Amino acid sequence: MSTKRKHEDNNNNNNNNNTSNINNSIVTINNNNNEETTIKKQKTKKNVRFDDVTVYYFARSQGFVSVPSQGTVTLGMVNEHSHVEQYSVTDFLRLRRSVHKSILRERKLLPPSTSSSK
């Protein structure tokens, strides 16, 4: 089914006084005098920005809430964090990448490097 046909089907199947097509950002309004007004909405750009990253560290404790599937001891965390660290988003990404690379090196999935370029 073509996009044009789909648009026509959506308008024909909708018997309400106010119809809208979100994909094309077209709104059709029928007033009391059966006069039809079509308005084309401008698409607004929606963004989310983060200033910083706050990381809370908790010590582990034995959990008692769930039953483990493998018969081992469940792990939980204590009620209060032991310390807090705050990073810029850029610094946090760098830290996560370096931790990820070191884990891969430990598992011998990444060759050891003498210097880090990034």
C-alpha atoms as a PDB file:
ATOM      1  CA  MET A   1       0.000   0.000   0.000  1.00  0.00           C
ATOM      2  CA  SER A   2       1.486   3.341  -1.002  1.00  0.00           C
ATOM      3  CA  THR A   3       1.931   6.206   1.424  1.00  0.00           C
ATOM      4  CA  LYS A   4      -0.618   8.333  -0.427  1.00  0.00           C
ATOM      5  CA  ARG A   5      -3.194   5.538  -0.324  1.00  0.00           C
ATOM      6  CA  LYS A   6      -2.480   4.909   3.361  1.00  0.00           C
ATOM      7  CA  HIS A   7      -3.012   8.629   4.055  1.00  0.00           C
ATOM      8  CA  GLU A   8      -6.355   8.562   2.188  1.00  0.00           C
ATOM      9  CA  ASP A   9      -7.454   5.422   4.053  1.00  0.00           C
ATOM     10  CA  ASN A  10      -6.611   7.010   7.396  1.00  0.00           C
ATOM     11  CA  ASN A  11      -8.681  10.087   6.561  1.00  0.00           C
ATOM     12  CA  ASN A  12     -11.628   8.050   5.204  1.00  0.00           C
ATOM     13  CA  ASN A  13     -11.714   5.680   8.181  1.00  0.00           C
ATOM     14  CA  ASN A  14     -11.692   8.478  10.734  1.00  0.00           C
ATOM     15  CA  ASN A  15     -15.209   9.908  11.193  1.00  0.00           C
ATOM     16  CA  ASN A  16     -14.344  12.294  14.045  1.00  0.00           C
ATOM     17  CA  ASN A  17     -14.709  16.051  13.641  1.00  0.00           C
ATOM     18  CA  ASN A  18     -11.005  16.551  14.332  1.00  0.00           C
ATOM     19  CA  THR A  19      -8.563  14.368  12.418  1.00  0.00           C
ATOM     20  CA  SER A  20      -4.798  14.388  12.373  1.00  0.00           C
ATOM     21  CA  ASN A  21      -1.991  12.609  10.596  1.00  0.00           C
ATOM     22  CA  ILE A  22       1.107  12.684  12.777  1.00  0.00           C
ATOM     23  CA  ASN A  23       3.485  11.284  10.137  1.00  0.00           C
ATOM     24  CA  ASN A  24       2.807  14.125   7.706  1.00  0.00           C
ATOM     25  CA  SER A  25       2.187  16.736  10.421  1.00  0.00           C
ATOM     26  CA  ILE A  26      -1.119  17.732   8.827  1.00  0.00           C
ATOM     27  CA  VAL A  27      -4.102  18.629  10.974  1.00  0.00           C
ATOM     28  CA  THR A  28      -7.612  18.893   9.523  1.00  0.00           C
ATOM     29  CA  ILE A  29     -10.229  20.657  11.612  1.00  0.00           C
ATOM     30  CA  ASN A  30     -13.960  20.629  10.825  1.00  0.00           C
ATOM     31  CA  ASN A  31     -15.853  23.419  12.548  1.00  0.00           C
ATOM     32  CA  ASN A  32     -19.593  23.555  13.253  1.00  0.00           C
ATOM     33  CA  ASN A  33     -20.396  24.938   9.774  1.00  0.00           C
ATOM     34  CA  ASN A  34     -18.701  21.929   8.106  1.00  0.00           C
ATOM     35  CA  GLU A  35     -15.926  24.193   6.853  1.00  0.00           C
ATOM     36  CA  GLU A  36     -12.654  22.336   6.640  1.00  0.00           C
ATOM     37  CA  THR A  37      -9.384  23.976   7.631  1.00  0.00           C
ATOM     38  CA  THR A  38      -6.050  22.278   6.990  1.00  0.00           C
ATOM     39  CA  ILE A  39      -2.994  23.379   8.937  1.00  0.00           C
ATOM     40  CA  LYS A  40       0.509  22.099   8.324  1.00  0.00           C
ATOM     41  CA  LYS A  41       2.424  21.890  11.590  1.00  0.00           C
ATOM     42  CA  GLN A  42       6.136  22.537  11.701  1.00  0.00           C
ATOM     43  CA  LYS A  43       8.123  19.673  13.122  1.00  0.00           C
ATOM     44  CA  THR A  44       9.803  20.725  16.319  1.00  0.00           C
ATOM     45  CA  LYS A  45      13.190  19.325  17.098  1.00  0.00           C
ATOM     46  CA  LYS A  46      13.284  17.611  20.473  1.00  0.00           C
ATOM     47  CA  ASN A  47      16.618  17.193  22.209  1.00  0.00           C
ATOM     48  CA  VAL A  48      17.782  16.033  25.586  1.00  0.00           C
ATOM     49  CA  ARG A  49      21.071  17.321  26.973  1.00  0.00           C
ATOM     50  CA  PHE A  50      22.966  16.173  30.023  1.00  0.00           C
ATOM     51  CA  ASP A  51      25.380  18.392  31.933  1.00  0.00           C
ATOM     52  CA  ASP A  52      27.096  15.834  34.101  1.00  0.00           C
ATOM     53  CA  VAL A  53      27.047  12.261  35.341  1.00  0.00           C
ATOM     54  CA  THR A  54      26.756  11.373  39.017  1.00  0.00           C
ATOM     55  CA  VAL A  55      27.852   7.861  40.002  1.00  0.00           C
ATOM     56  CA  TYR A  56      26.847   6.414  43.370  1.00  0.00           C
ATOM     57  CA  TYR A  57      28.877   3.476  44.686  1.00  0.00           C
ATOM     58  CA  PHE A  58      27.283   0.861  46.933  1.00  0.00           C
ATOM     59  CA  ALA A  59      28.900  -2.023  48.782  1.00  0.00           C
ATOM     60  CA  ARG A  60      27.519  -5.467  48.024  1.00  0.00           C
ATOM     61  CA  SER A  61      25.588  -7.505  50.525  1.00  0.00           C
ATOM     62  CA  GLN A  62      23.804 -10.810  50.488  1.00  0.00           C
ATOM     63  CA  GLY A  63      20.305 -10.414  49.101  1.00  0.00           C
ATOM     64  CA  PHE A  64      17.292 -12.150  50.602  1.00  0.00           C
ATOM     65  CA  VAL A  65      14.510 -10.905  48.330  1.00  0.00           C
ATOM     66  CA  SER A  66      14.787 -13.227  45.329  1.00  0.00           C
ATOM     67  CA  VAL A  67      15.528 -16.890  44.748  1.00  0.00           C
ATOM     68  CA  PRO A  68      18.483 -17.454  42.417  1.00  0.00           C
ATOM     69  CA  SER A  69      17.892 -19.767  39.464  1.00  0.00           C
ATOM     70  CA  GLN A  70      21.271 -21.527  39.718  1.00  0.00           C
ATOM     71  CA  GLY A  71      21.161 -22.257  43.455  1.00  0.00           C
ATOM     72  CA  THR A  72      23.833 -19.689  44.312  1.00  0.00           C
ATOM     73  CA  VAL A  73      23.703 -16.806  46.777  1.00  0.00           C
ATOM     74  CA  THR A  74      21.891 -13.686  45.587  1.00  0.00           C
ATOM     75  CA  LEU A  75      23.710 -10.371  45.693  1.00  0.00           C
ATOM     76  CA  GLY A  76      22.185  -7.113  46.794  1.00  0.00           C
ATOM     77  CA  MET A  77      23.531  -3.780  47.916  1.00  0.00           C
ATOM     78  CA  VAL A  78      23.613  -1.959  51.214  1.00  0.00           C
ATOM     79  CA  ASN A  79      21.059   0.765  51.922  1.00  0.00           C
ATOM     80  CA  GLU A  80      23.452   3.727  51.707  1.00  0.00           C
ATOM     81  CA  HIS A  81      26.153   4.531  49.162  1.00  0.00           C
ATOM     82  CA  SER A  82      29.792   4.523  50.210  1.00  0.00           C
ATOM     83  CA  HIS A  83      30.846   7.447  48.015  1.00  0.00           C
ATOM     84  CA  VAL A  84      29.789   9.597  45.066  1.00  0.00           C
ATOM     85  CA  GLU A  85      31.758  10.711  42.015  1.00  0.00           C
ATOM     86  CA  GLN A  86      30.741  13.362  39.537  1.00  0.00           C
ATOM     87  CA  TYR A  87      32.005  13.573  35.941  1.00  0.00           C
ATOM     88  CA  SER A  88      31.360  15.602  32.846  1.00  0.00           C
ATOM     89  CA  VAL A  89      29.722  13.534  30.123  1.00  0.00           C
ATOM     90  CA  THR A  90      32.958  13.555  28.094  1.00  0.00           C
ATOM     91  CA  ASP A  91      35.088  12.432  31.042  1.00  0.00           C
ATOM     92  CA  PHE A  92      32.606   9.705  31.939  1.00  0.00           C
ATOM     93  CA  LEU A  93      32.679   8.342  28.361  1.00  0.00           C
ATOM     94  CA  ARG A  94      36.494   8.299  28.448  1.00  0.00           C
ATOM     95  CA  LEU A  95      36.462   6.470  31.777  1.00  0.00           C
ATOM     96  CA  ARG A  96      33.914   3.884  30.579  1.00  0.00           C
ATOM     97  CA  ARG A  97      35.902   3.246  27.384  1.00  0.00           C
ATOM     98  CA  SER A  98      39.144   2.745  29.292  1.00  0.00           C
ATOM     99  CA  VAL A  99      37.453   0.378  31.774  1.00  0.00           C
ATOM    100  CA  HIS A 100      35.895  -1.540  28.882  1.00  0.00           C
ATOM    101  CA  LYS A 101      39.265  -1.834  27.112  1.00  0.00           C
ATOM    102  CA  SER A 102      40.979  -3.064  30.274  1.00  0.00           C
ATOM    103  CA  ILE A 103      38.289  -5.742  30.734  1.00  0.00           C
ATOM    104  CA  LEU A 104      38.805  -6.873  27.134  1.00  0.00           C
ATOM    105  CA  ARG A 105      42.586  -6.990  27.690  1.00  0.00           C
ATOM    106  CA  GLU A 106      42.098  -9.107  30.836  1.00  0.00           C
ATOM    107  CA  ARG A 107      39.987 -11.544  28.843  1.00  0.00           C
ATOM    108  CA  LYS A 108      42.628 -11.450  26.089  1.00  0.00           C
ATOM    109  CA  LEU A 109      40.093 -10.287  23.522  1.00  0.00           C
ATOM    110  CA  LEU A 110      42.069  -7.125  22.822  1.00  0.00           C
ATOM    111  CA  PRO A 111      45.835  -7.006  22.251  1.00  0.00           C
ATOM    112  CA  PRO A 112      47.870  -5.134  24.872  1.00  0.00           C
ATOM    113  CA  SER A 113      48.743  -1.592  23.888  1.00  0.00           C
ATOM    114  CA  THR A 114      51.787   0.430  24.874  1.00  0.00           C
ATOM    115  CA  SER A 115      50.053   3.813  24.621  1.00  0.00           C
ATOM    116  CA  SER A 116      46.441   4.834  24.422  1.00  0.00           C
ATOM    117  CA  SER A 117      45.599   7.140  21.544  1.00  0.00           C
ATOM    118  CA  LYS A 118      42.162   8.199  22.852  1.00  0.00           C
END
